[in-house]
Amino acid sequence: MEHQIRFPHLGIVLKNVGDGINIGGFEIKYYGMIIATGFLLGLIVSYYAAKHENKFDPELVFDYLIRSEERRVGKECRSRWSPYH
């Protein structure tokens, strides 16, 4: 499906923009790329802020990231497949 993206105050119109890109038969949507980019930028900013402020070890940023993602996935799995939720 083709769309148009308009930036009215800038006078820019992008015509015939698709929903995403295909890589080897695997489709990646543009909104997924935007979310992933924001996630990575937040991770990088958090890492450098921790490094330059010297309040805690910058490596903890990655540890917290992994733990929070494990927790999110675990909650999602429990809510979908548990008969008690």
N, C-alpha and C. Protein backbone atom coordinates (compact mmCIF):
# COMPACT_ATOMS: atom_id res chain seq x y z
N MET A 1 0.84 -1.17 0.00
CA MET A 1 0.00 0.00 0.00
C MET A 1 0.89 1.24 0.00
N GLU A 2 0.61 2.16 -0.86
CA GLU A 2 1.40 3.38 -0.98
C GLU A 2 0.72 4.52 -0.24
N HIS A 3 1.51 5.37 0.38
CA HIS A 3 1.01 6.50 1.15
C HIS A 3 1.76 7.77 0.76
N GLN A 4 1.27 8.88 1.27
CA GLN A 4 1.97 10.15 1.15
C GLN A 4 2.31 10.63 2.54
N ILE A 5 3.48 11.21 2.67
CA ILE A 5 3.89 11.83 3.93
C ILE A 5 4.05 13.31 3.65
N ARG A 6 3.35 14.14 4.43
CA ARG A 6 3.39 15.58 4.22
C ARG A 6 3.96 16.29 5.43
N PHE A 7 4.82 17.25 5.15
CA PHE A 7 5.34 18.17 6.15
C PHE A 7 4.84 19.56 5.74
N PRO A 8 3.63 19.95 6.18
CA PRO A 8 2.98 21.13 5.63
C PRO A 8 3.74 22.43 5.84
N HIS A 9 4.36 22.62 6.98
CA HIS A 9 5.05 23.88 7.24
C HIS A 9 6.40 23.96 6.52
N LEU A 10 6.89 22.84 6.07
CA LEU A 10 8.15 22.82 5.33
C LEU A 10 7.93 22.75 3.83
N GLY A 11 6.72 22.46 3.41
CA GLY A 11 6.42 22.35 1.99
C GLY A 11 6.98 21.09 1.35
N ILE A 12 7.18 20.04 2.16
CA ILE A 12 7.73 18.79 1.65
C ILE A 12 6.63 17.75 1.57
N VAL A 13 6.54 17.06 0.43
CA VAL A 13 5.58 15.97 0.25
C VAL A 13 6.35 14.78 -0.31
N LEU A 14 6.30 13.66 0.39
CA LEU A 14 6.90 12.42 -0.08
C LEU A 14 5.78 11.54 -0.62
N LYS A 15 5.82 11.25 -1.89
CA LYS A 15 4.76 10.46 -2.52
C LYS A 15 5.20 9.01 -2.70
N ASN A 16 4.20 8.13 -2.75
CA ASN A 16 4.42 6.71 -3.00
C ASN A 16 5.37 6.07 -1.98
N VAL A 17 5.10 6.34 -0.72
CA VAL A 17 5.90 5.76 0.37
C VAL A 17 5.20 4.49 0.84
N GLY A 18 5.92 3.39 0.89
CA GLY A 18 5.35 2.12 1.31
C GLY A 18 5.26 2.01 2.83
N ASP A 19 4.88 0.82 3.29
CA ASP A 19 4.74 0.57 4.73
C ASP A 19 6.05 0.15 5.39
N GLY A 20 7.00 -0.34 4.60
CA GLY A 20 8.25 -0.82 5.15
C GLY A 20 9.17 -1.31 4.05
N ILE A 21 10.18 -2.07 4.44
CA ILE A 21 11.12 -2.63 3.48
C ILE A 21 11.15 -4.15 3.63
N ASN A 22 11.52 -4.82 2.58
CA ASN A 22 11.66 -6.28 2.59
C ASN A 22 13.12 -6.65 2.48
N ILE A 23 13.56 -7.50 3.39
CA ILE A 23 14.93 -8.01 3.35
C ILE A 23 14.84 -9.52 3.38
N GLY A 24 15.11 -10.14 2.26
CA GLY A 24 15.07 -11.60 2.18
C GLY A 24 13.72 -12.20 2.52
N GLY A 25 12.65 -11.54 2.12
CA GLY A 25 11.31 -12.05 2.41
C GLY A 25 10.81 -11.69 3.79
N PHE A 26 11.58 -10.95 4.55
CA PHE A 26 11.21 -10.53 5.89
C PHE A 26 10.89 -9.04 5.84
N GLU A 27 9.66 -8.66 6.19
CA GLU A 27 9.25 -7.27 6.09
C GLU A 27 9.48 -6.54 7.42
N ILE A 28 10.10 -5.38 7.32
CA ILE A 28 10.32 -4.53 8.49
C ILE A 28 9.53 -3.25 8.26
N LYS A 29 8.59 -2.96 9.14
CA LYS A 29 7.76 -1.77 9.02
C LYS A 29 8.55 -0.54 9.47
N TYR A 30 8.19 0.60 8.91
CA TYR A 30 8.88 1.84 9.25
C TYR A 30 8.68 2.23 10.71
N TYR A 31 7.47 2.00 11.25
CA TYR A 31 7.26 2.36 12.65
C TYR A 31 8.13 1.51 13.57
N GLY A 32 8.40 0.27 13.19
CA GLY A 32 9.30 -0.58 13.97
C GLY A 32 10.72 -0.06 13.96
N MET A 33 11.14 0.43 12.80
CA MET A 33 12.49 1.02 12.70
C MET A 33 12.59 2.28 13.55
N ILE A 34 11.53 3.08 13.58
CA ILE A 34 11.53 4.31 14.38
C ILE A 34 11.59 3.97 15.86
N ILE A 35 10.81 2.99 16.29
CA ILE A 35 10.82 2.59 17.70
C ILE A 35 12.20 2.04 18.09
N ALA A 36 12.79 1.21 17.24
CA ALA A 36 14.10 0.63 17.53
C ALA A 36 15.17 1.72 17.58
N THR A 37 15.08 2.71 16.69
CA THR A 37 16.05 3.81 16.68
C THR A 37 15.94 4.62 17.96
N GLY A 38 14.72 4.92 18.38
CA GLY A 38 14.53 5.65 19.64
C GLY A 38 15.04 4.87 20.83
N PHE A 39 14.81 3.57 20.83
CA PHE A 39 15.29 2.70 21.90
C PHE A 39 16.81 2.74 21.98
N LEU A 40 17.47 2.62 20.83
CA LEU A 40 18.94 2.63 20.81
C LEU A 40 19.50 3.99 21.18
N LEU A 41 18.87 5.07 20.71
CA LEU A 41 19.33 6.41 21.09
C LEU A 41 19.19 6.64 22.59
N GLY A 42 18.08 6.18 23.17
CA GLY A 42 17.91 6.29 24.62
C GLY A 42 18.96 5.51 25.38
N LEU A 43 19.30 4.34 24.87
CA LEU A 43 20.33 3.52 25.50
C LEU A 43 21.69 4.23 25.44
N ILE A 44 22.02 4.79 24.29
CA ILE A 44 23.30 5.49 24.13
C ILE A 44 23.38 6.72 25.02
N VAL A 45 22.30 7.51 25.05
CA VAL A 45 22.29 8.71 25.90
C VAL A 45 22.42 8.33 27.37
N SER A 46 21.71 7.28 27.80
CA SER A 46 21.80 6.83 29.19
C SER A 46 23.20 6.37 29.54
N TYR A 47 23.83 5.66 28.62
CA TYR A 47 25.18 5.16 28.86
C TYR A 47 26.17 6.32 29.03
N TYR A 48 26.12 7.28 28.11
CA TYR A 48 27.06 8.40 28.19
C TYR A 48 26.76 9.32 29.37
N ALA A 49 25.50 9.48 29.72
CA ALA A 49 25.16 10.28 30.91
C ALA A 49 25.71 9.63 32.17
N ALA A 50 25.57 8.32 32.27
CA ALA A 50 26.10 7.60 33.43
C ALA A 50 27.62 7.68 33.46
N LYS A 51 28.24 7.62 32.31
CA LYS A 51 29.69 7.64 32.23
C LYS A 51 30.27 9.00 32.63
N HIS A 52 29.63 10.07 32.19
CA HIS A 52 30.17 11.40 32.44
C HIS A 52 29.77 11.98 33.79
N GLU A 53 28.68 11.53 34.36
CA GLU A 53 28.27 12.03 35.67
C GLU A 53 28.89 11.23 36.81
N ASN A 54 29.43 10.07 36.53
CA ASN A 54 30.10 9.21 37.51
C ASN A 54 29.23 8.89 38.72
N LYS A 55 27.92 8.77 38.52
CA LYS A 55 27.04 8.43 39.63
C LYS A 55 26.92 6.92 39.81
N PHE A 56 27.04 6.18 38.72
CA PHE A 56 27.03 4.73 38.80
C PHE A 56 27.76 4.17 37.59
N ASP A 57 28.02 2.89 37.63
CA ASP A 57 28.76 2.22 36.57
C ASP A 57 27.94 2.22 35.27
N PRO A 58 28.49 2.72 34.17
CA PRO A 58 27.75 2.75 32.90
C PRO A 58 27.31 1.37 32.41
N GLU A 59 28.02 0.33 32.80
CA GLU A 59 27.65 -1.02 32.38
C GLU A 59 26.31 -1.45 33.00
N LEU A 60 25.92 -0.80 34.09
CA LEU A 60 24.63 -1.12 34.70
C LEU A 60 23.47 -0.75 33.79
N VAL A 61 23.68 0.21 32.89
CA VAL A 61 22.63 0.58 31.94
C VAL A 61 22.25 -0.63 31.11
N PHE A 62 23.23 -1.37 30.64
CA PHE A 62 22.96 -2.56 29.83
C PHE A 62 22.32 -3.66 30.67
N ASP A 63 22.79 -3.80 31.92
CA ASP A 63 22.20 -4.81 32.80
C ASP A 63 20.72 -4.51 33.06
N TYR A 64 20.39 -3.25 33.34
CA TYR A 64 19.00 -2.88 33.58
C TYR A 64 18.16 -3.08 32.33
N LEU A 65 18.74 -2.79 31.19
CA LEU A 65 18.02 -2.97 29.92
C LEU A 65 17.65 -4.44 29.73
N ILE A 66 18.60 -5.31 29.93
CA ILE A 66 18.35 -6.74 29.74
C ILE A 66 17.32 -7.25 30.75
N ARG A 67 17.45 -6.83 32.00
CA ARG A 67 16.52 -7.29 33.02
C ARG A 67 15.11 -6.78 32.78
N SER A 68 14.99 -5.52 32.35
CA SER A 68 13.65 -4.98 32.11
C SER A 68 13.00 -5.67 30.92
N GLU A 69 13.79 -6.00 29.89
CA GLU A 69 13.23 -6.69 28.73
C GLU A 69 12.83 -8.13 29.11
N GLU A 70 13.65 -8.79 29.92
CA GLU A 70 13.29 -10.14 30.38
C GLU A 70 11.99 -10.10 31.17
N ARG A 71 11.85 -9.09 32.00
CA ARG A 71 10.66 -8.97 32.82
C ARG A 71 9.42 -8.70 31.96
N ARG A 72 9.56 -7.82 30.95
CA ARG A 72 8.45 -7.51 30.07
C ARG A 72 7.99 -8.75 29.30
N VAL A 73 8.94 -9.48 28.75
CA VAL A 73 8.60 -10.68 27.98
C VAL A 73 7.99 -11.73 28.91
N GLY A 74 8.53 -11.86 30.10
CA GLY A 74 7.98 -12.82 31.05
C GLY A 74 6.54 -12.50 31.41
N LYS A 75 6.25 -11.22 31.65
CA LYS A 75 4.87 -10.83 31.97
C LYS A 75 3.94 -11.11 30.80
N GLU A 76 4.41 -10.82 29.60
CA GLU A 76 3.58 -11.06 28.42
C GLU A 76 3.28 -12.54 28.26
N CYS A 77 4.27 -13.38 28.46
CA CYS A 77 4.06 -14.83 28.33
C CYS A 77 3.11 -15.33 29.41
N ARG A 78 3.29 -14.87 30.63
CA ARG A 78 2.39 -15.31 31.70
C ARG A 78 0.96 -14.86 31.45
N SER A 79 0.78 -13.65 30.93
CA SER A 79 -0.58 -13.16 30.73
C SER A 79 -1.27 -13.87 29.57
N ARG A 80 -0.51 -14.33 28.60
CA ARG A 80 -1.12 -15.00 27.44
C ARG A 80 -1.44 -16.47 27.71
N TRP A 81 -0.54 -17.15 28.37
CA TRP A 81 -0.68 -18.60 28.45
C TRP A 81 -1.07 -19.12 29.83
N SER A 82 -1.07 -18.29 30.81
CA SER A 82 -1.43 -18.77 32.14
C SER A 82 -2.95 -18.81 32.29
N PRO A 83 -3.48 -19.91 32.81
CA PRO A 83 -4.94 -19.97 33.01
C PRO A 83 -5.41 -19.08 34.16
N TYR A 84 -4.47 -18.52 34.95
CA TYR A 84 -4.82 -17.73 36.11
C TYR A 84 -4.83 -16.24 35.84
N HIS A 85 -4.50 -15.83 34.62
CA HIS A 85 -4.45 -14.39 34.33
C HIS A 85 -5.52 -14.03 33.32
